[in-house]
N, C-alpha and C. Protein backbone atom coordinates (compact mmCIF):
# COMPACT_ATOMS: atom_id res chain seq x y z
N MET A 1 0.86 -1.70 0.13
CA MET A 1 0.14 -0.05 0.11
C MET A 1 1.02 1.41 0.08
N ALA A 2 0.58 2.29 -0.58
CA ALA A 2 0.42 3.56 -1.29
C ALA A 2 0.97 4.58 0.33
N LEU A 3 2.32 4.75 0.72
CA LEU A 3 1.83 5.89 0.72
C LEU A 3 2.21 7.52 1.03
N TRP A 4 0.99 8.02 0.56
CA TRP A 4 0.50 8.92 0.46
C TRP A 4 1.14 10.77 1.04
N ARG A 5 1.79 11.13 0.78
CA ARG A 5 2.36 12.14 1.40
C ARG A 5 2.16 13.90 0.29
N PRO A 6 1.99 15.21 1.29
CA PRO A 6 2.27 15.93 0.55
C PRO A 6 3.27 16.86 -0.14
N ALA A 7 2.83 17.16 -1.74
CA ALA A 7 3.97 18.01 -2.04
C ALA A 7 3.46 18.90 -2.58
N TYR A 8 4.38 20.56 -2.71
CA TYR A 8 3.86 21.53 -3.34
C TYR A 8 5.31 21.73 -3.84
N VAL A 9 4.86 22.10 -5.48
CA VAL A 9 5.14 22.36 -6.44
C VAL A 9 4.54 24.32 -7.30
N ALA A 10 6.32 24.80 -7.64
CA ALA A 10 5.37 25.90 -7.62
C ALA A 10 5.85 26.33 -9.12
N LEU A 11 5.12 26.91 -9.79
CA LEU A 11 4.39 27.20 -11.31
C LEU A 11 5.51 28.16 -12.07
N GLY A 12 6.04 28.31 -13.13
CA GLY A 12 6.46 30.06 -13.47
C GLY A 12 6.94 29.72 -14.71
N ALA A 13 5.52 30.49 -16.30
CA ALA A 13 6.68 30.73 -17.26
C ALA A 13 6.39 32.52 -17.79
N ASN A 14 7.15 32.31 -18.41
CA ASN A 14 6.64 33.32 -19.77
C ASN A 14 7.22 33.85 -20.71
N LEU A 15 6.71 33.17 -21.23
CA LEU A 15 7.07 32.98 -22.88
C LEU A 15 5.75 31.98 -23.70
N GLY A 16 5.71 32.59 -24.67
CA GLY A 16 4.19 31.95 -25.15
C GLY A 16 3.13 32.50 -24.74
N TYR A 17 2.54 31.26 -23.93
CA TYR A 17 0.49 31.51 -23.94
C TYR A 17 1.74 32.10 -21.68
N PRO A 18 1.81 32.33 -21.18
CA PRO A 18 2.51 32.23 -20.06
C PRO A 18 0.84 31.11 -19.81
N ALA A 19 -0.43 31.69 -18.95
CA ALA A 19 -1.31 31.59 -18.58
C ALA A 19 -2.75 30.69 -18.72
N ALA A 20 -2.48 30.63 -20.15
CA ALA A 20 -3.07 29.18 -20.59
C ALA A 20 -1.84 27.60 -20.68
N GLN A 21 -0.66 28.05 -20.31
CA GLN A 21 0.55 26.99 -19.46
C GLN A 21 0.53 27.22 -18.43
N LEU A 22 -0.37 27.37 -17.70
CA LEU A 22 -0.18 27.53 -16.19
C LEU A 22 -1.36 26.52 -15.98
N ARG A 23 -1.82 26.79 -16.64
CA ARG A 23 -4.23 26.04 -16.45
C ARG A 23 -3.60 25.00 -16.85
N GLU A 24 -2.84 24.55 -18.20
CA GLU A 24 -2.23 23.17 -18.48
C GLU A 24 -1.47 22.15 -17.76
N ALA A 25 -0.21 23.03 -17.65
CA ALA A 25 0.36 22.98 -16.03
C ALA A 25 -0.73 21.54 -14.57
N PHE A 26 -1.38 23.44 -14.43
CA PHE A 26 -2.31 22.34 -13.58
C PHE A 26 -2.81 21.20 -13.71
N GLU A 27 -3.78 21.09 -15.17
CA GLU A 27 -4.00 19.89 -15.78
C GLU A 27 -3.28 18.32 -15.89
N ARG A 28 -2.37 18.35 -16.13
CA ARG A 28 -0.70 17.75 -16.32
C ARG A 28 -0.91 17.10 -14.78
N LEU A 29 -0.66 18.18 -14.35
CA LEU A 29 -0.43 17.99 -12.42
C LEU A 29 -1.83 17.16 -11.96
N ALA A 30 -2.22 17.10 -12.41
CA ALA A 30 -3.52 16.48 -11.48
C ALA A 30 -4.21 15.10 -12.97
N ALA A 31 -3.34 15.15 -13.63
CA ALA A 31 -3.62 13.94 -14.17
C ALA A 31 -1.89 12.57 -13.72
N LEU A 32 -0.80 13.49 -13.14
CA LEU A 32 0.48 12.96 -13.10
C LEU A 32 0.34 11.57 -12.47
N PRO A 33 0.27 10.15 -12.46
CA PRO A 33 -0.04 9.19 -12.17
C PRO A 33 0.91 8.87 -10.97
N GLY A 34 0.41 8.73 -10.29
CA GLY A 34 1.02 8.69 -8.36
C GLY A 34 0.52 9.67 -7.46
N CYS A 35 0.10 10.94 -8.05
CA CYS A 35 -0.56 12.29 -8.01
C CYS A 35 -2.03 12.62 -7.75
N ARG A 36 -2.73 13.29 -7.63
CA ARG A 36 -3.54 13.56 -6.73
C ARG A 36 -3.04 15.39 -6.33
N LEU A 37 -4.36 16.07 -7.26
CA LEU A 37 -3.40 17.72 -7.33
C LEU A 37 -4.81 17.81 -6.09
N VAL A 38 -4.80 19.17 -5.77
CA VAL A 38 -6.04 18.89 -4.07
C VAL A 38 -6.02 20.51 -3.88
N ALA A 39 -4.38 21.71 -4.08
CA ALA A 39 -5.06 22.51 -4.15
C ALA A 39 -4.15 23.24 -4.86
N ARG A 40 -4.52 24.87 -5.27
CA ARG A 40 -4.02 25.72 -6.34
C ARG A 40 -4.71 27.42 -6.18
N SER A 41 -2.86 27.34 -6.07
CA SER A 41 -3.30 29.67 -5.98
C SER A 41 -3.21 29.87 -7.75
N ARG A 42 -4.31 30.46 -7.11
CA ARG A 42 -4.86 31.57 -8.52
C ARG A 42 -3.26 31.88 -9.47
N LEU A 43 -3.13 33.38 -10.88
CA LEU A 43 -2.52 33.11 -11.37
C LEU A 43 -1.49 34.31 -10.62
N TRP A 44 -0.52 35.62 -10.13
CA TRP A 44 0.86 35.43 -10.50
C TRP A 44 1.05 36.73 -11.70
N ARG A 45 1.33 37.70 -11.29
CA ARG A 45 2.17 38.61 -11.86
C ARG A 45 3.41 38.89 -11.27
N SER A 46 4.77 38.67 -11.98
CA SER A 46 6.20 39.35 -11.05
C SER A 46 6.77 39.66 -12.47
N ALA A 47 7.92 40.26 -11.49
CA ALA A 47 9.03 40.98 -12.19
C ALA A 47 10.51 39.38 -11.86
N PRO A 48 10.69 39.64 -13.34
CA PRO A 48 11.59 38.48 -13.89
C PRO A 48 12.67 38.80 -12.46
N LEU A 49 13.28 37.02 -11.91
CA LEU A 49 14.60 37.33 -11.26
C LEU A 49 15.64 37.55 -11.62
N GLY A 50 16.19 37.20 -13.19
CA GLY A 50 16.98 37.52 -14.14
C GLY A 50 17.62 38.28 -14.22
N PRO A 51 18.48 37.66 -16.01
CA PRO A 51 17.83 38.67 -16.94
C PRO A 51 16.77 39.86 -16.23
N VAL A 52 16.84 40.69 -17.24
CA VAL A 52 16.26 42.42 -17.57
C VAL A 52 15.67 42.08 -18.68
N ASN A 53 16.14 41.91 -18.62
CA ASN A 53 15.45 41.41 -21.10
C ASN A 53 14.89 40.41 -21.62
N GLN A 54 13.67 40.20 -20.57
CA GLN A 54 12.45 39.62 -21.24
C GLN A 54 11.01 39.81 -20.02
N PRO A 55 10.01 39.00 -20.64
CA PRO A 55 8.87 38.71 -19.77
C PRO A 55 8.32 38.93 -19.06
N GLU A 56 7.53 40.06 -17.53
CA GLU A 56 7.30 39.50 -16.13
C GLU A 56 7.13 37.53 -16.92
N PHE A 57 6.94 37.34 -15.51
CA PHE A 57 6.43 36.17 -15.40
C PHE A 57 5.29 35.96 -14.73
N LEU A 58 4.22 34.85 -14.75
CA LEU A 58 3.17 34.09 -14.79
C LEU A 58 3.92 33.55 -13.11
N ASN A 59 3.22 33.35 -12.06
CA ASN A 59 3.58 31.61 -10.76
C ASN A 59 2.05 31.11 -10.51
N ALA A 60 2.09 30.89 -9.90
CA ALA A 60 1.08 29.68 -9.77
C ALA A 60 2.30 28.63 -8.52
N ALA A 61 1.45 28.14 -7.68
CA ALA A 61 1.75 27.18 -6.61
C ALA A 61 0.73 26.62 -6.65
N ALA A 62 0.68 25.09 -6.25
CA ALA A 62 -0.36 23.57 -6.52
C ALA A 62 0.59 22.74 -5.58
N GLY A 63 -0.73 21.45 -4.99
CA GLY A 63 -0.74 21.11 -3.66
C GLY A 63 -0.61 19.79 -4.15
N LEU A 64 0.07 18.84 -3.32
CA LEU A 64 -0.30 17.90 -5.11
C LEU A 64 -0.82 16.20 -2.89
N LEU A 65 -1.04 14.77 -3.39
CA LEU A 65 -0.97 14.56 -2.72
C LEU A 65 -0.24 13.55 -3.47
N THR A 66 1.06 13.01 -3.31
CA THR A 66 2.40 12.10 -4.28
C THR A 66 2.19 10.99 -2.96
N ALA A 67 2.10 9.35 -4.29
CA ALA A 67 2.56 8.54 -3.29
C ALA A 67 4.08 8.28 -4.41
N LEU A 68 4.15 8.73 -4.59
CA LEU A 68 6.09 8.91 -5.53
C LEU A 68 6.76 9.21 -4.64
N GLU A 69 8.25 8.98 -5.05
CA GLU A 69 9.30 9.46 -3.82
C GLU A 69 9.71 10.67 -4.69
N PRO A 70 10.08 11.46 -3.97
CA PRO A 70 11.74 11.92 -3.96
C PRO A 70 12.37 12.69 -5.92
N GLN A 71 13.34 11.58 -5.91
CA GLN A 71 13.44 11.68 -7.11
C GLN A 71 12.74 11.33 -8.50
N PRO A 72 11.84 10.44 -7.73
CA PRO A 72 10.89 9.87 -8.77
C PRO A 72 9.72 10.85 -9.53
N LEU A 73 9.10 11.10 -8.04
CA LEU A 73 8.52 13.63 -9.12
C LEU A 73 9.05 13.79 -9.53
N LEU A 74 10.60 14.58 -9.52
CA LEU A 74 11.42 15.87 -9.66
C LEU A 74 11.08 14.47 -10.74
N ASP A 75 11.41 13.98 -12.10
CA ASP A 75 11.85 12.94 -13.36
C ASP A 75 10.18 13.48 -13.32
N ALA A 76 9.25 12.77 -12.64
CA ALA A 76 7.65 13.34 -13.50
C ALA A 76 8.00 14.94 -13.84
N LEU A 77 8.22 15.88 -12.99
CA LEU A 77 7.92 16.96 -13.66
C LEU A 77 8.96 18.05 -14.25
N LYS A 78 9.57 16.95 -14.70
CA LYS A 78 10.78 17.84 -15.69
C LYS A 78 10.48 16.80 -16.28
N ALA A 79 9.33 16.13 -17.12
CA ALA A 79 9.01 14.81 -18.30
C ALA A 79 7.73 16.30 -18.47
N LEU A 80 7.31 16.32 -17.79
CA LEU A 80 5.48 17.06 -18.31
C LEU A 80 6.10 19.24 -18.16
N GLU A 81 7.61 19.33 -17.66
CA GLU A 81 8.08 21.12 -18.70
C GLU A 81 8.41 20.28 -19.93
N VAL A 82 9.18 18.79 -20.42
CA VAL A 82 9.66 18.82 -21.38
C VAL A 82 8.40 18.26 -22.99
N GLY A 83 7.20 18.46 -22.54
CA GLY A 83 6.28 17.50 -22.70
C GLY A 83 5.69 18.78 -23.05
N MET A 84 5.57 20.25 -22.21
CA MET A 84 4.82 21.27 -22.43
C MET A 84 6.07 22.34 -23.45
N GLY A 85 7.02 21.55 -23.63
CA GLY A 85 7.62 22.47 -24.65
C GLY A 85 8.64 22.63 -24.20
N ARG A 86 9.22 22.84 -23.05
CA ARG A 86 10.93 23.47 -22.75
C ARG A 86 11.61 22.89 -23.56
N ALA A 87 12.45 23.82 -23.41
CA ALA A 87 13.57 22.97 -24.46
C ALA A 87 14.99 23.30 -23.30
N GLN A 88 16.21 22.54 -23.90
CA GLN A 88 16.86 22.35 -22.99
C GLN A 88 18.32 23.76 -24.62
N PRO A 89 18.82 23.27 -23.62
CA PRO A 89 19.58 24.15 -22.24
C PRO A 89 18.89 25.63 -22.22
N VAL A 90 18.62 25.50 -20.09
CA VAL A 90 18.43 26.75 -20.55
C VAL A 90 19.29 28.19 -19.95
N VAL A 91 18.62 28.75 -20.02
CA VAL A 91 19.72 30.18 -19.12
C VAL A 91 18.63 30.04 -17.79
N ARG A 92 19.89 30.50 -15.77
CA ARG A 92 18.75 30.16 -15.23
C ARG A 92 18.83 31.37 -14.83
N TRP A 93 18.24 31.23 -13.99
CA TRP A 93 16.68 32.58 -14.74
C TRP A 93 16.61 32.93 -15.91
N GLY A 94 16.16 32.33 -16.98
CA GLY A 94 15.77 33.32 -17.81
C GLY A 94 14.93 32.40 -18.29
N PRO A 95 14.53 33.52 -19.34
CA PRO A 95 13.32 32.77 -20.02
C PRO A 95 12.70 31.47 -20.55
N ARG A 96 10.88 31.58 -20.16
CA ARG A 96 11.11 29.99 -20.03
C ARG A 96 10.05 29.55 -20.27
N VAL A 97 9.23 28.25 -21.56
CA VAL A 97 7.03 28.66 -21.72
C VAL A 97 7.20 27.73 -20.30
N ILE A 98 7.56 27.40 -20.02
CA ILE A 98 7.15 26.20 -18.13
C ILE A 98 8.57 25.85 -17.94
N ASP A 99 8.15 26.13 -16.15
CA ASP A 99 8.70 25.59 -15.01
C ASP A 99 8.12 25.02 -13.68
N LEU A 100 8.61 24.23 -13.93
CA LEU A 100 7.95 23.00 -12.43
C LEU A 100 8.80 22.48 -11.38
N ASP A 101 9.01 24.02 -9.86
CA ASP A 101 9.99 23.71 -9.41
C ASP A 101 9.02 22.78 -8.35
N LEU A 102 10.17 21.53 -7.99
CA LEU A 102 9.45 21.05 -6.38
C LEU A 102 9.95 21.72 -5.17
N LEU A 103 9.03 22.61 -4.32
CA LEU A 103 9.41 22.87 -2.85
C LEU A 103 9.69 21.84 -2.22
N MET A 104 8.66 20.93 -1.72
CA MET A 104 8.98 20.47 -0.44
C MET A 104 7.77 18.38 -1.03
N LEU A 105 8.11 17.33 -0.51
CA LEU A 105 7.45 16.51 -0.10
C LEU A 105 8.18 16.39 1.70
N ALA A 106 6.54 16.57 2.23
CA ALA A 106 5.81 15.99 3.67
C ALA A 106 7.56 16.92 4.36
N ASP A 107 8.30 16.26 5.25
CA ASP A 107 8.85 16.70 5.93
C ASP A 107 10.14 16.57 5.13
N LEU A 108 10.27 15.75 4.05
CA LEU A 108 11.55 15.39 3.21
C LEU A 108 12.48 16.04 4.13
N ARG A 109 14.16 15.47 3.78
CA ARG A 109 15.29 17.23 4.01
C ARG A 109 16.14 15.90 2.54
N VAL A 110 16.56 16.88 1.84
CA VAL A 110 17.26 16.35 0.85
C VAL A 110 18.08 16.69 0.41
N ALA A 111 19.63 16.24 -0.01
CA ALA A 111 20.27 17.54 -0.04
C ALA A 111 21.49 16.23 -1.65
N GLU A 112 21.51 16.46 -2.57
CA GLU A 112 21.36 15.71 -3.65
C GLU A 112 21.90 16.40 -4.95
N PRO A 113 22.95 16.10 -5.32
CA PRO A 113 23.31 17.10 -6.63
C PRO A 113 22.22 17.25 -7.41
N ALA A 114 21.11 16.90 -7.67
CA ALA A 114 20.22 16.70 -8.45
C ALA A 114 18.82 17.78 -7.95
N LEU A 115 18.75 17.46 -6.95
CA LEU A 115 17.84 18.09 -5.48
C LEU A 115 17.61 18.07 -4.59
N THR A 116 16.70 18.77 -3.39
CA THR A 116 17.38 19.30 -2.82
C THR A 116 15.97 19.73 -2.08
N LEU A 117 15.50 19.60 -1.25
CA LEU A 117 14.81 19.90 -0.26
C LEU A 117 14.96 19.84 1.24
N PRO A 118 14.03 21.39 1.08
CA PRO A 118 13.07 22.06 1.04
C PRO A 118 14.04 23.19 -0.59
N HIS A 119 12.70 23.35 -0.84
CA HIS A 119 13.96 23.85 -2.31
C HIS A 119 14.98 25.23 -1.67
N PRO A 120 16.03 25.24 -2.12
CA PRO A 120 16.70 26.27 -1.06
C PRO A 120 16.45 28.65 -0.85
N GLY A 121 15.15 27.96 -2.84
CA GLY A 121 15.03 29.70 -2.04
C GLY A 121 14.03 29.60 -1.84
N VAL A 122 12.84 28.71 -0.97
CA VAL A 122 11.64 28.40 -1.05
C VAL A 122 11.22 30.38 -0.67
N HIS A 123 12.42 30.08 -0.27
CA HIS A 123 12.20 32.35 1.57
C HIS A 123 12.36 32.29 1.87
N GLU A 124 12.65 32.35 0.34
CA GLU A 124 13.18 33.92 -0.30
C GLU A 124 13.23 34.69 -1.86
N ARG A 125 11.73 34.10 -1.86
CA ARG A 125 11.22 33.95 -3.24
C ARG A 125 9.85 34.06 -3.16
N ASN A 126 9.56 35.70 -3.18
CA ASN A 126 7.62 35.79 -2.72
C ASN A 126 6.33 35.52 -3.79
N PHE A 127 7.39 35.39 -5.38
CA PHE A 127 6.70 34.81 -6.80
C PHE A 127 5.95 33.12 -5.87
N VAL A 128 6.72 33.05 -4.70
CA VAL A 128 6.56 31.69 -4.16
C VAL A 128 5.75 31.70 -3.33
N LEU A 129 6.36 32.54 -1.84
CA LEU A 129 5.67 32.13 -1.10
C LEU A 129 4.35 33.04 -0.82
N TYR A 130 3.97 33.89 -1.70
CA TYR A 130 2.14 34.55 -1.89
C TYR A 130 1.17 33.11 -2.23
N PRO A 131 1.37 32.81 -4.22
CA PRO A 131 0.49 31.70 -4.20
C PRO A 131 1.02 30.35 -2.95
N LEU A 132 1.32 29.90 -2.65
CA LEU A 132 1.56 28.60 -1.63
C LEU A 132 1.34 29.85 -0.28
N ALA A 133 0.73 30.88 0.18
CA ALA A 133 0.71 30.51 1.96
C ALA A 133 -1.42 31.70 0.87
N GLU A 134 -1.88 31.17 -0.31
CA GLU A 134 -2.95 30.96 -1.00
C GLU A 134 -4.01 29.67 -0.44
N PHE A 135 -2.48 28.69 -0.07
CA PHE A 135 -3.84 27.51 0.60
C PHE A 135 -2.95 26.44 1.61
N ALA A 136 -1.66 27.12 1.79
CA ALA A 136 -0.57 26.54 2.47
C ALA A 136 -0.55 27.82 3.77
N PRO A 137 -0.57 28.35 4.11
CA PRO A 137 -0.67 29.62 5.24
C PRO A 137 0.40 29.24 6.15
N GLU A 138 -0.04 27.85 7.13
CA GLU A 138 1.09 26.89 8.33
C GLU A 138 2.01 26.95 7.77
N LEU A 139 2.28 25.92 6.56
CA LEU A 139 3.09 24.81 6.34
C LEU A 139 3.89 25.22 6.68
N TRP A 140 5.10 24.75 6.92
CA TRP A 140 6.35 24.33 8.05
C TRP A 140 7.88 24.06 7.10
N ILE A 141 8.06 25.07 7.02
CA ILE A 141 9.39 25.46 5.40
C ILE A 141 10.83 25.13 6.82
N PRO A 142 11.02 23.79 7.32
CA PRO A 142 12.40 23.12 7.97
C PRO A 142 13.47 23.98 7.31
N GLY A 143 13.21 24.73 8.74
CA GLY A 143 15.14 25.54 9.36
C GLY A 143 14.85 27.36 9.27
N ARG A 144 13.71 27.55 8.38
CA ARG A 144 12.92 28.61 8.07
C ARG A 144 11.66 29.27 9.04
N GLY A 145 10.41 28.70 8.92
CA GLY A 145 10.01 29.45 9.80
C GLY A 145 8.45 28.89 8.74
N ARG A 146 7.31 29.72 9.52
CA ARG A 146 5.79 29.35 8.36
C ARG A 146 5.57 30.02 7.04
N VAL A 147 5.83 29.36 5.85
CA VAL A 147 4.54 30.62 5.04
C VAL A 147 4.17 32.02 4.99
N ARG A 148 3.57 31.64 5.88
CA ARG A 148 2.96 32.81 5.98
C ARG A 148 3.33 34.46 6.35
N ARG A 149 4.59 34.15 7.77
CA ARG A 149 5.92 35.22 8.11
C ARG A 149 6.83 35.29 6.75
N LEU A 150 6.57 33.75 6.06
CA LEU A 150 7.88 34.10 5.64
C LEU A 150 7.69 34.93 4.24
N ALA A 151 6.47 35.43 4.56
CA ALA A 151 5.60 36.76 2.70
C ALA A 151 5.55 37.09 3.50
N ALA A 152 5.06 37.37 4.49
CA ALA A 152 5.39 39.08 5.47
C ALA A 152 6.74 39.52 6.09
N GLU A 153 8.09 38.74 5.24
CA GLU A 153 8.57 39.59 5.94
C GLU A 153 9.80 39.93 4.03
N VAL A 154 9.82 38.84 3.28
CA VAL A 154 9.80 39.22 2.22
C VAL A 154 9.14 40.08 1.59
N GLY A 155 7.84 40.29 1.55
CA GLY A 155 6.82 41.47 1.38
C GLY A 155 6.41 41.26 -0.48
N ALA A 156 5.35 41.48 -0.78
CA ALA A 156 5.23 41.37 -1.87
C ALA A 156 5.30 42.40 -3.47
N ALA A 157 6.80 43.28 -3.17
CA ALA A 157 6.77 44.11 -4.59
C ALA A 157 7.10 43.29 -5.09
N GLY A 158 6.37 44.46 -6.16
CA GLY A 158 6.56 43.36 -7.94
C GLY A 158 5.56 42.32 -7.91
N LEU A 159 4.89 42.48 -7.45
CA LEU A 159 3.67 40.93 -7.41
C LEU A 159 2.67 41.54 -7.44
N GLN A 160 2.07 40.98 -8.01
CA GLN A 160 0.52 41.57 -8.70
C GLN A 160 -0.59 40.05 -8.48
N PRO A 161 -1.61 39.94 -7.58
CA PRO A 161 -2.26 38.66 -8.41
C PRO A 161 -3.93 38.89 -9.23
N LEU A 162 -3.63 38.25 -10.04
CA LEU A 162 -4.73 38.31 -11.08
C LEU A 162 -6.03 37.51 -10.44
N SER A 163 -6.80 38.18 -11.44
CA SER A 163 -8.16 37.67 -10.98
C SER A 163 -8.21 36.80 -12.68
N GLU A 164 -9.28 35.76 -11.78
CA GLU A 164 -9.37 34.65 -13.49
C GLU A 164 -11.13 34.95 -13.69
């Protein structure tokens, strides 16, 4: 019998049709074998983190229940990105059709070359924390604190919720 655990995923896009791509990503997350989409945020507009000469991003967050272990879940997210047209190599913090980051899987801590859990940047990125706070404000980020407090600390500068 599989052990179902909560997982949290950050979504982002700024090329093509970002709103449509994020909605499609939610649908594809809901269809992942061994996963159930149980929560999703609305879409948020944000300024790019990296190179300035790129379009604004749209971001969101998803809450899953999953029977997958961390690496197979990450592999499924990467396959979903490729299936949606994400090309390699990707410039760090550069423009992209879709980006799916595994933020947390239950309270697991993982430190491997290809995977770190919790995601090392989650506590300092408002475009991750504000969408996540919509459905998991009391979520504890190990070693960092609760999502609600972390979001308040980083502030909402450059971030705008979209009405759908």
